[in-house]
Structures are given as structure tokens and as C-alpha cells.
Protein backbone atom coordinates (compact mmCIF):
# COMPACT_ATOMS: atom_id res chain seq x y z
CA MET A 1 86.43 97.27 107.87
CA GLU A 2 82.85 98.36 108.25
CA ARG A 3 81.50 96.73 111.40
CA ARG A 4 79.40 94.14 109.47
CA ASP A 5 82.50 93.16 107.63
CA PHE A 6 84.42 92.81 110.89
CA ILE A 7 81.42 90.44 112.13
CA LYS A 8 81.52 88.36 109.21
CA LEU A 9 85.62 88.05 109.41
CA CYS A 10 85.35 87.12 113.10
CA ALA A 11 82.87 84.31 112.11
CA ALA A 12 84.98 83.07 108.98
CA GLY A 13 88.22 83.31 111.09
CA ALA A 14 86.74 81.31 113.80
CA SER A 15 85.82 78.62 111.69
CA LEU A 16 88.99 78.61 109.54
CA PHE A 17 91.20 78.65 112.40
CA ALA A 18 89.06 75.42 113.79
CA ALA A 19 89.72 73.88 110.46
CA GLY A 20 93.72 74.51 110.81
CA THR A 21 93.76 76.66 107.63
CA ALA A 22 94.16 79.99 109.11
CA GLN A 23 95.52 82.41 111.62
CA ALA A 24 93.31 85.22 112.74
CA ARG A 25 94.03 86.28 116.28
CA PHE A 26 91.97 89.26 117.92
CA TYR A 27 93.70 91.46 120.72
CA GLY A 28 92.38 94.65 122.47
CA ARG A 29 90.56 97.05 120.49
CA ALA A 30 92.72 100.05 120.17
CA LEU A 31 91.85 103.47 118.68
CA LEU A 32 94.44 104.79 116.52
CA VAL A 33 95.34 108.76 117.33
CA ASP A 34 97.56 111.21 116.16
CA GLU A 35 100.50 112.68 118.01
CA ARG A 36 98.21 115.38 119.73
CA GLY A 37 96.04 112.29 121.24
CA ALA A 38 93.13 112.80 118.61
CA PRO A 39 91.30 110.26 116.93
CA LEU A 40 92.79 110.04 113.79
CA ARG A 41 90.53 110.46 110.78
CA ALA A 42 90.45 107.94 108.05
CA ALA A 43 89.73 110.60 105.36
CA ALA A 44 92.60 112.83 106.51
CA ILE A 45 95.58 110.11 105.97
CA PRO A 46 97.38 111.11 103.15
CA PRO A 47 98.10 108.65 100.31
CA GLU A 48 101.39 106.65 100.04
CA ARG A 49 103.13 107.90 103.42
CA ASN A 50 104.63 105.75 105.73
CA LEU A 51 102.87 105.81 109.04
CA ILE A 52 103.59 103.71 112.05
CA PHE A 53 102.14 102.65 115.19
CA ASN A 54 102.79 99.87 117.72
CA TYR A 55 100.24 97.03 118.15
CA PRO A 56 99.29 94.53 119.59
CA TYR A 57 102.36 94.95 121.88
CA ALA A 58 104.09 98.16 123.01
CA ALA A 59 107.35 97.27 121.02
CA THR A 60 106.15 95.75 117.88
CA PRO A 61 105.61 98.47 115.12
CA CYS A 62 103.42 98.16 112.16
CA PHE A 63 102.76 100.35 108.99
CA LEU A 64 99.47 102.26 108.44
CA LEU A 65 99.17 103.09 104.60
CA ASN A 66 96.66 105.00 102.36
CA LEU A 67 97.32 103.38 99.03
CA GLY A 68 95.19 105.86 97.30
CA ARG A 69 93.24 103.11 95.71
CA PRO A 70 91.26 100.41 96.58
CA ALA A 71 92.67 97.05 97.90
CA PRO A 72 90.48 94.22 96.94
CA ALA A 73 90.05 90.99 99.02
CA THR A 74 93.05 88.29 98.30
CA ALA A 75 92.64 84.65 98.70
CA ARG A 76 95.34 82.08 98.76
CA LEU A 77 97.68 83.58 100.89
CA ALA A 78 99.85 81.01 102.97
CA THR A 79 102.07 81.27 106.08
CA ALA A 80 105.55 80.09 106.07
CA ASP A 81 104.37 76.46 107.31
CA GLY A 82 101.56 76.07 104.87
CA ARG A 83 98.48 77.60 106.47
CA GLY A 84 95.94 79.16 104.28
CA TYR A 85 94.07 82.46 104.62
CA GLU A 86 92.29 85.30 102.98
CA TRP A 87 92.94 88.69 103.52
CA GLN A 88 89.53 90.72 103.51
CA GLY A 89 91.07 93.88 101.89
CA GLY A 90 91.36 97.64 102.55
CA VAL A 91 89.04 99.55 104.83
CA GLY A 92 87.82 103.25 104.95
CA PRO A 93 85.85 105.43 102.56
CA GLY A 94 87.80 104.20 99.74
CA ARG A 95 88.74 100.84 101.01
CA SER A 96 92.55 101.97 100.51
CA LEU A 97 93.71 101.73 103.96
CA VAL A 98 95.89 98.87 105.11
CA ALA A 99 98.11 97.93 108.00
CA TYR A 100 100.87 95.36 108.35
CA SER A 101 103.09 94.43 110.79
CA ALA A 102 106.34 96.19 110.17
CA ILE A 103 108.65 92.93 111.27
CA CYS A 104 110.27 91.57 107.82
CA ALA A 105 109.23 88.22 107.51
CA HIS A 106 112.61 86.98 106.52
CA LYS A 107 115.17 87.96 109.04
CA MET A 108 113.10 90.27 111.41
CA ALA A 109 114.38 93.52 110.52
CA TYR A 110 112.04 96.30 111.79
CA PRO A 111 111.98 100.09 112.27
CA THR A 112 113.83 101.30 115.64
CA ARG A 113 113.93 104.81 116.88
CA GLN A 114 117.49 104.85 115.55
CA ILE A 115 116.97 103.66 111.84
CA SER A 116 114.71 101.78 109.84
CA PHE A 117 115.67 99.32 106.88
CA ILE A 118 112.23 98.63 105.93
CA SER A 119 109.45 100.99 104.41
CA TYR A 120 106.93 101.53 101.69
CA ARG A 121 108.31 102.88 98.52
CA ALA A 122 105.81 104.77 96.34
CA GLU A 123 108.30 104.85 93.42
CA ALA A 124 110.64 102.37 91.94
CA SER A 125 113.89 102.39 93.63
CA GLY A 126 116.82 99.78 94.52
CA PRO A 127 117.86 96.66 92.93
CA ASN A 128 114.33 95.37 92.11
CA ARG A 129 113.18 98.65 90.67
CA SER A 130 109.55 98.04 92.06
CA ALA A 131 107.02 100.85 93.12
CA HIS A 132 104.14 100.50 95.46
CA VAL A 133 105.71 97.76 97.75
CA ILE A 134 107.11 97.47 101.17
CA HIS A 135 110.90 96.72 100.73
CA CYS A 136 113.31 95.46 103.08
CA CYS A 137 116.73 96.54 102.49
CA SER A 138 118.24 93.93 104.61
CA GLU A 139 118.07 91.37 101.91
CA HIS A 140 115.47 93.10 99.54
CA SER A 141 112.28 91.25 100.59
CA GLN A 142 109.40 93.03 98.78
CA TYR A 143 105.76 93.04 99.92
CA ASP A 144 102.62 94.16 97.99
CA PRO A 145 100.54 95.97 100.52
CA ALA A 146 97.51 95.92 98.21
CA SER A 147 97.49 92.22 98.21
CA GLY A 148 97.55 90.95 101.75
CA GLY A 149 101.38 91.70 102.04
CA LYS A 150 102.52 88.93 99.88
CA VAL A 151 105.75 88.33 98.97
CA VAL A 152 106.71 89.71 95.22
CA ALA A 153 110.35 89.62 95.41
CA GLY A 154 113.41 88.40 97.69
CA PRO A 155 113.79 85.63 100.30
CA ALA A 156 110.83 86.13 102.39
CA PRO A 157 109.31 83.04 103.20
CA GLN A 158 105.64 84.11 103.72
CA PRO A 159 103.51 87.54 103.70
CA LEU A 160 103.60 90.40 106.20
CA ALA A 161 101.29 89.94 108.76
CA ALA A 162 98.35 92.02 108.34
CA ILE A 163 96.80 94.15 111.39
CA LEU A 164 92.79 93.78 111.04
CA LEU A 165 91.67 97.43 110.91
CA GLU A 166 88.02 98.27 111.88
CA HIS A 167 86.57 101.54 110.52
CA ASP A 168 83.88 103.43 112.47
CA ALA A 169 82.18 105.05 109.35
CA ALA A 170 80.10 107.48 111.67
CA ARG A 171 83.13 108.88 113.58
CA ASP A 172 85.33 108.12 110.84
CA ALA A 173 87.89 106.64 113.13
CA LEU A 174 90.04 103.61 112.91
CA TYR A 175 90.69 100.71 115.46
CA ALA A 176 93.36 98.07 115.35
CA VAL A 177 91.70 94.80 116.59
CA GLY A 178 93.85 91.88 115.76
CA THR A 179 96.14 90.24 113.27
CA LEU A 180 95.77 87.86 110.33
CA GLY A 181 98.70 85.49 108.71
CA GLY A 182 102.11 84.61 110.14
CA GLU A 183 102.68 86.40 113.47
CA MET A 184 106.51 86.43 114.45
CA PHE A 185 106.05 88.13 117.80
CA ASP A 186 107.36 85.11 119.95
CA ALA A 187 110.60 85.09 117.69
CA PHE A 188 110.86 88.72 117.59
CA PHE A 189 111.02 89.09 121.47
CA ALA A 190 113.57 86.21 121.78
CA LYS A 191 115.59 88.05 119.15
CA TYR A 192 115.68 91.43 120.18
CA GLY A 193 114.88 91.10 123.86
CA PHE A 194 117.96 92.75 125.11
CA ARG A 195 117.56 95.68 122.78
CA LEU A 196 113.87 96.11 123.52
CA ALA A 197 114.41 95.92 127.16
CA LEU A 198 116.82 98.80 126.86
CA GLU A 199 114.15 100.84 125.02
CA TYR A 200 110.93 100.04 126.53
CA GLY A 201 111.93 98.22 129.83
CA GLN A 202 109.43 95.85 131.23
CA ALA A 203 106.90 97.38 129.13
CA ALA A 204 108.01 95.61 125.69
CA GLN A 205 105.50 92.79 125.80
CA ARG A 206 102.76 94.76 127.36
CA ALA A 207 99.75 94.78 125.26
CA ALA A 208 98.69 98.00 123.59
CA GLY A 209 96.46 100.22 125.53
CA GLY A 210 93.10 101.51 124.31
CA THR A 211 94.76 104.02 121.99
CA VAL A 212 97.74 103.76 120.10
CA THR A 213 99.77 106.79 118.45
CA VAL A 214 100.29 106.85 114.80
CA PHE A 215 103.41 108.50 113.72
CA PRO A 216 105.03 109.55 110.31
CA LEU A 217 107.82 107.18 109.98
CA GLY A 218 110.53 110.30 109.81
CA ASP A 219 109.31 111.32 113.22
CA TYR A 220 109.39 107.80 114.40
CA CYS A 221 112.97 106.97 113.54
CA ARG A 222 116.16 109.06 112.93
CA GLN A 223 117.27 107.60 109.86
CA GLN A 224 115.52 105.47 106.86
CA VAL A 225 117.92 103.29 104.71
CA LYS A 226 117.27 103.89 101.24
CA CYS A 227 118.23 101.17 98.98
């Protein structure tokens, strides 16, 4: 979002949280960089490609997507326990850039360094034959990234948690600043603590730093399951 939109969201999120009707949480402001450490330019992000970065913790993966079309604000989203919220839409020059937690809201399948059962699908595939969705092959939950990550198929009880992005138009740079919606980080660390400790050591639950590296999903993990 542009800085003025970000300030507006901060004020709205604070009032909604106080009223008990939304979950907007702000973490450290992290600049998105490429694999060489250079700031990722919003205009250079290819459309409909799976990109991944870890935020707000060292071991919590997120999808970064250029949908190739504007993503408007979406009202009437709700967490699994019924708390409503409004997603503010895409950011960047065409308002087409979105980011979501890559932890499936059903049974917390997520991209590991070895394999990923969840990814964005630009073309129709699998039993539900849907295109332009984030699809989890674990039990075929599907999410619409153009509508706040809302569930469009499968057993997931809530949308994917959105990652709040800030777009610095002057530099064409992107920052991750927080989350919106139903976070699952506590349950994620409880379920996968042993596995994450083997991969990340004591850094698994460490807050993301001032920069976070964005990778193509194919470079991040060895195998992507297609279903």
C-alpha cells in the first residue's frame, strides 16, 4: 500500500481491534530483497509466479504474488472464530501485488526446503479445476489471492492470513509490516517445533530482520507437489 493507505489502515485496524472485530498485528518493518541482497523492485516482479519469503518469523513462510491485475479491497472476511475484518487490497503500481502466509489454514501444510504441497496455480488443475488460486494438495483447500485469501473450495475454516505490504513509490520498494486475519503461528510452532528446530536451530521463532529475502518457490524447495 502507499504510505497514506498504510496510515489509514493503522488507524482503522486499531479501532477494529479495540472493538474486538478484527486482527491486525504490526511487526518489524522488513525490506524485501532479492537473492543478491538488492531491494526488490515492485515493477520487476513477474506476474503469476510463486515467490516466497519468511515473515514475521525466521521460519514462517509467505507467498508474494503479482496477480497481473488489480486486487480490490475485500470486506466481510472472518477468522475461524468469527472475528470480521476488511482486507485493503493489492499494492504497487497496478495494485496487483499481494502477500499471504503460506501456512494452510486447514492442517498447516507449508512449503519446506524439501517439498511444498501448497502453491499458487495460474492455470486450472487438480480435482477442483480452478485457476488463479492458492491450492493446498493436502486436502484441496483453495484460496483466492485476489480477494483477501478467502476460501473458495475445500475444508479450510478461514482465509489465509494476509501479510501487510507497504509500497515505497519513490524507490519502488516493498516492505512487510504486519499481518491481517487469522494468524496460526503459535499452533504452527507447537506442531512443527522439532522439525523447525532441526532446520533453523534456535532461530526458528526469531523475528524477521530489517531485510527478508524473496526466492522463487522452485529455488526455495526441492519439489513442488502438483495435484
